[in-house]
Amino acid sequence: MRHRVRTIITAALTAATLATGSATLAAGPAAAEGFPGGPWCHGPAKVKAESDWSRVLICPVQGPTGWAYKGKALTTGNEIALWGATQNRYGFHVSNNGYTYHVHPDRLWITGPDGATVSSEPWRSYEYR
C-alpha cells in the first residue's frame, strides 16, 4: 500500500511540474502567437488581424526583409505562409504567383497579376505591435 501511495504522489508531482514548466515556457518572450486553428507565428506577431473572410499574421523571421505573411481563408480553411514581406508607410506587402497581399491598417487588399483587385476585406480586428 505504501508503494502505491508513493507512486501516485510522484506521478502527481511530475504532472504538476510538467504543467508548470510548460506554462512558464508558453508565457516567455519567444512564445508562439496566433489564432485558434491557425495561422501561427513562432514568436510574437507584429500584426494580428481578422476580417470576416481571413485571418492574417505578420511574423518576424530570418531573412532579408525580416517578415513573413501568414494567412488563413476562413471560407475554405486554406493557409498560406509567404516569406519576404516588405513594409512601407501603408503596411506590409508580399507577392506569390503574381498575386500581392497588402496588409493595411484598415483592410486586407489582394491584387491579381493584372493589378486588379481580387479581394478587399475590412478588418473586424487589427493589432499592430
C-alpha atoms as a PDB file:
ATOM      1  CA  MET A   1       0.000   0.000   0.000  1.00  0.00           C
ATOM      2  CA  ARG A   2       2.821   2.396   0.908  1.00  0.00           C
ATOM      3  CA  HIS A   3       4.493   1.835  -2.506  1.00  0.00           C
ATOM      4  CA  ARG A   4       1.212   2.573  -4.326  1.00  0.00           C
ATOM      5  CA  VAL A   5       0.702   5.878  -2.430  1.00  0.00           C
ATOM      6  CA  ARG A   6       4.301   6.930  -3.154  1.00  0.00           C
ATOM      7  CA  THR A   7       3.790   6.167  -6.879  1.00  0.00           C
ATOM      8  CA  ILE A   8       0.579   8.221  -7.002  1.00  0.00           C
ATOM      9  CA  ILE A   9       2.224  11.177  -5.219  1.00  0.00           C
ATOM     10  CA  THR A  10       5.285  11.008  -7.511  1.00  0.00           C
ATOM     11  CA  ALA A  11       3.057  10.915 -10.585  1.00  0.00           C
ATOM     12  CA  ALA A  12       1.044  13.894  -9.317  1.00  0.00           C
ATOM     13  CA  LEU A  13       4.204  15.918  -8.601  1.00  0.00           C
ATOM     14  CA  THR A  14       5.651  15.071 -12.017  1.00  0.00           C
ATOM     15  CA  ALA A  15       2.431  16.139 -13.741  1.00  0.00           C
ATOM     16  CA  ALA A  16       2.338  19.393 -11.743  1.00  0.00           C
ATOM     17  CA  THR A  17       5.994  20.119 -12.582  1.00  0.00           C
ATOM     18  CA  LEU A  18       5.430  19.471 -16.278  1.00  0.00           C
ATOM     19  CA  ALA A  19       2.297  21.609 -16.326  1.00  0.00           C
ATOM     20  CA  THR A  20       4.050  24.461 -14.539  1.00  0.00           C
ATOM     21  CA  GLY A  21       7.130  24.169 -16.740  1.00  0.00           C
ATOM     22  CA  SER A  22       5.160  24.235 -19.973  1.00  0.00           C
ATOM     23  CA  ALA A  23       3.071  27.177 -18.755  1.00  0.00           C
ATOM     24  CA  THR A  24       6.255  29.074 -17.953  1.00  0.00           C
ATOM     25  CA  LEU A  25       7.660  28.348 -21.403  1.00  0.00           C
ATOM     26  CA  ALA A  26       4.477  29.457 -23.150  1.00  0.00           C
ATOM     27  CA  ALA A  27       4.473  32.770 -21.283  1.00  0.00           C
ATOM     28  CA  GLY A  28       8.063  33.684 -22.246  1.00  0.00           C
ATOM     29  CA  PRO A  29       9.049  36.314 -24.813  1.00  0.00           C
ATOM     30  CA  ALA A  30       9.509  33.712 -27.548  1.00  0.00           C
ATOM     31  CA  ALA A  31       6.028  32.252 -27.075  1.00  0.00           C
ATOM     32  CA  ALA A  32       4.104  31.368 -30.213  1.00  0.00           C
ATOM     33  CA  GLU A  33       1.238  33.632 -31.149  1.00  0.00           C
ATOM     34  CA  GLY A  34      -1.684  33.186 -33.474  1.00  0.00           C
ATOM     35  CA  PHE A  35      -5.301  32.192 -33.812  1.00  0.00           C
ATOM     36  CA  PRO A  36      -7.014  29.035 -32.564  1.00  0.00           C
ATOM     37  CA  GLY A  37      -6.795  26.710 -35.551  1.00  0.00           C
ATOM     38  CA  GLY A  38      -4.063  28.822 -37.222  1.00  0.00           C
ATOM     39  CA  PRO A  39      -2.166  30.597 -38.557  1.00  0.00           C
ATOM     40  CA  TRP A  40       0.701  30.901 -36.037  1.00  0.00           C
ATOM     41  CA  CYS A  41       3.986  32.779 -35.616  1.00  0.00           C
ATOM     42  CA  HIS A  42       6.917  31.138 -33.823  1.00  0.00           C
ATOM     43  CA  GLY A  43       7.216  34.303 -31.711  1.00  0.00           C
ATOM     44  CA  PRO A  44       5.223  37.466 -31.093  1.00  0.00           C
ATOM     45  CA  ALA A  45       3.366  38.736 -34.180  1.00  0.00           C
ATOM     46  CA  LYS A  46       3.965  42.262 -35.497  1.00  0.00           C
ATOM     47  CA  VAL A  47       0.421  42.354 -36.926  1.00  0.00           C
ATOM     48  CA  LYS A  48      -2.539  40.190 -35.954  1.00  0.00           C
ATOM     49  CA  ALA A  49      -5.705  40.900 -37.937  1.00  0.00           C
ATOM     50  CA  GLU A  50      -9.009  39.234 -38.764  1.00  0.00           C
ATOM     51  CA  SER A  51     -11.714  40.006 -41.316  1.00  0.00           C
ATOM     52  CA  ASP A  52     -14.959  38.157 -41.933  1.00  0.00           C
ATOM     53  CA  TRP A  53     -13.084  36.008 -44.501  1.00  0.00           C
ATOM     54  CA  SER A  54      -9.426  35.868 -43.409  1.00  0.00           C
ATOM     55  CA  ARG A  55      -7.004  35.686 -40.507  1.00  0.00           C
ATOM     56  CA  VAL A  56      -3.596  37.260 -41.070  1.00  0.00           C
ATOM     57  CA  LEU A  57      -0.335  37.477 -39.136  1.00  0.00           C
ATOM     58  CA  ILE A  58       2.855  39.328 -39.950  1.00  0.00           C
ATOM     59  CA  CYS A  59       5.629  37.358 -38.248  1.00  0.00           C
ATOM     60  CA  PRO A  60       9.275  38.230 -37.641  1.00  0.00           C
ATOM     61  CA  VAL A  61      11.541  35.728 -39.450  1.00  0.00           C
ATOM     62  CA  GLN A  62      15.146  35.284 -40.502  1.00  0.00           C
ATOM     63  CA  GLY A  63      15.783  36.633 -43.985  1.00  0.00           C
ATOM     64  CA  PRO A  64      16.462  39.765 -45.978  1.00  0.00           C
ATOM     65  CA  THR A  65      13.182  41.532 -45.174  1.00  0.00           C
ATOM     66  CA  GLY A  66      12.664  40.030 -41.717  1.00  0.00           C
ATOM     67  CA  TRP A  67       8.921  39.464 -42.175  1.00  0.00           C
ATOM     68  CA  ALA A  68       6.564  36.669 -43.205  1.00  0.00           C
ATOM     69  CA  TYR A  69       2.890  36.834 -44.132  1.00  0.00           C
ATOM     70  CA  LYS A  70       0.772  34.003 -42.751  1.00  0.00           C
ATOM     71  CA  GLY A  71      -2.882  33.828 -43.660  1.00  0.00           C
ATOM     72  CA  LYS A  72      -5.870  31.544 -43.454  1.00  0.00           C
ATOM     73  CA  ALA A  73      -9.035  31.716 -45.554  1.00  0.00           C
ATOM     74  CA  LEU A  74     -11.956  31.176 -43.188  1.00  0.00           C
ATOM     75  CA  THR A  75     -14.217  30.073 -46.042  1.00  0.00           C
ATOM     76  CA  THR A  76     -12.001  27.162 -47.174  1.00  0.00           C
ATOM     77  CA  GLY A  77      -9.541  26.621 -44.311  1.00  0.00           C
ATOM     78  CA  ASN A  78      -6.627  27.013 -46.744  1.00  0.00           C
ATOM     79  CA  GLU A  79      -3.462  28.501 -45.243  1.00  0.00           C
ATOM     80  CA  ILE A  80      -0.540  30.283 -46.872  1.00  0.00           C
ATOM     81  CA  ALA A  81       2.864  31.261 -45.479  1.00  0.00           C
ATOM     82  CA  LEU A  82       4.995  33.639 -47.538  1.00  0.00           C
ATOM     83  CA  TRP A  83       8.460  34.840 -46.558  1.00  0.00           C
ATOM     84  CA  GLY A  84       9.850  38.142 -47.838  1.00  0.00           C
ATOM     85  CA  ALA A  85       7.062  40.523 -46.854  1.00  0.00           C
ATOM     86  CA  THR A  86       8.139  44.164 -47.028  1.00  0.00           C
ATOM     87  CA  GLN A  87       6.922  47.143 -45.030  1.00  0.00           C
ATOM     88  CA  ASN A  88       6.261  50.717 -46.113  1.00  0.00           C
ATOM     89  CA  ARG A  89       4.145  53.573 -44.758  1.00  0.00           C
ATOM     90  CA  TYR A  90       0.937  51.871 -45.969  1.00  0.00           C
ATOM     91  CA  GLY A  91       1.549  48.499 -44.333  1.00  0.00           C
ATOM     92  CA  PHE A  92       3.040  45.126 -45.290  1.00  0.00           C
ATOM     93  CA  HIS A  93       3.146  43.611 -48.778  1.00  0.00           C
ATOM     94  CA  VAL A  94       4.114  40.218 -50.187  1.00  0.00           C
ATOM     95  CA  SER A  95       3.688  38.580 -53.606  1.00  0.00           C
ATOM     96  CA  ASN A  96       3.086  34.987 -54.663  1.00  0.00           C
ATOM     97  CA  ASN A  97       2.452  33.702 -58.210  1.00  0.00           C
ATOM     98  CA  GLY A  98       1.507  37.188 -59.415  1.00  0.00           C
ATOM     99  CA  TYR A  99      -0.894  37.903 -56.545  1.00  0.00           C
ATOM    100  CA  THR A 100       0.032  40.560 -53.986  1.00  0.00           C
ATOM    101  CA  TYR A 101      -1.265  40.633 -50.432  1.00  0.00           C
ATOM    102  CA  HIS A 102      -1.393  44.116 -48.909  1.00  0.00           C
ATOM    103  CA  VAL A 103      -1.934  44.244 -45.136  1.00  0.00           C
ATOM    104  CA  HIS A 104      -3.054  47.807 -44.404  1.00  0.00           C
ATOM    105  CA  PRO A 105      -4.286  49.029 -41.000  1.00  0.00           C
ATOM    106  CA  ASP A 106      -7.875  49.136 -42.306  1.00  0.00           C
ATOM    107  CA  ARG A 107      -8.040  46.086 -44.605  1.00  0.00           C
ATOM    108  CA  LEU A 108      -6.521  43.137 -46.436  1.00  0.00           C
ATOM    109  CA  TRP A 109      -6.258  44.053 -50.092  1.00  0.00           C
ATOM    110  CA  ILE A 110      -5.345  41.318 -52.589  1.00  0.00           C
ATOM    111  CA  THR A 111      -4.465  42.208 -56.173  1.00  0.00           C
ATOM    112  CA  GLY A 112      -4.104  39.848 -59.119  1.00  0.00           C
ATOM    113  CA  PRO A 113      -1.367  39.557 -61.744  1.00  0.00           C
ATOM    114  CA  ASP A 114      -3.016  42.297 -63.819  1.00  0.00           C
ATOM    115  CA  GLY A 115      -3.204  44.661 -60.819  1.00  0.00           C
ATOM    116  CA  ALA A 116      -6.981  44.316 -60.474  1.00  0.00           C
ATOM    117  CA  THR A 117      -8.496  43.917 -57.013  1.00  0.00           C
ATOM    118  CA  VAL A 118      -9.258  40.288 -56.196  1.00  0.00           C
ATOM    119  CA  SER A 119     -10.405  40.982 -52.643  1.00  0.00           C
ATOM    120  CA  SER A 120     -10.751  43.957 -50.309  1.00  0.00           C
ATOM    121  CA  GLU A 121     -11.587  42.853 -46.788  1.00  0.00           C
ATOM    122  CA  PRO A 122     -12.075  45.371 -43.956  1.00  0.00           C
ATOM    123  CA  TRP A 123     -10.684  44.171 -40.629  1.00  0.00           C
ATOM    124  CA  ARG A 124     -13.007  43.483 -37.741  1.00  0.00           C
ATOM    125  CA  SER A 125      -9.916  43.390 -35.509  1.00  0.00           C
ATOM    126  CA  TYR A 126      -6.387  44.714 -36.130  1.00  0.00           C
ATOM    127  CA  GLU A 127      -3.440  44.759 -33.717  1.00  0.00           C
ATOM    128  CA  TYR A 128      -0.082  46.325 -34.612  1.00  0.00           C
ATOM    129  CA  ARG A 129       2.798  45.918 -32.162  1.00  0.00           C
END
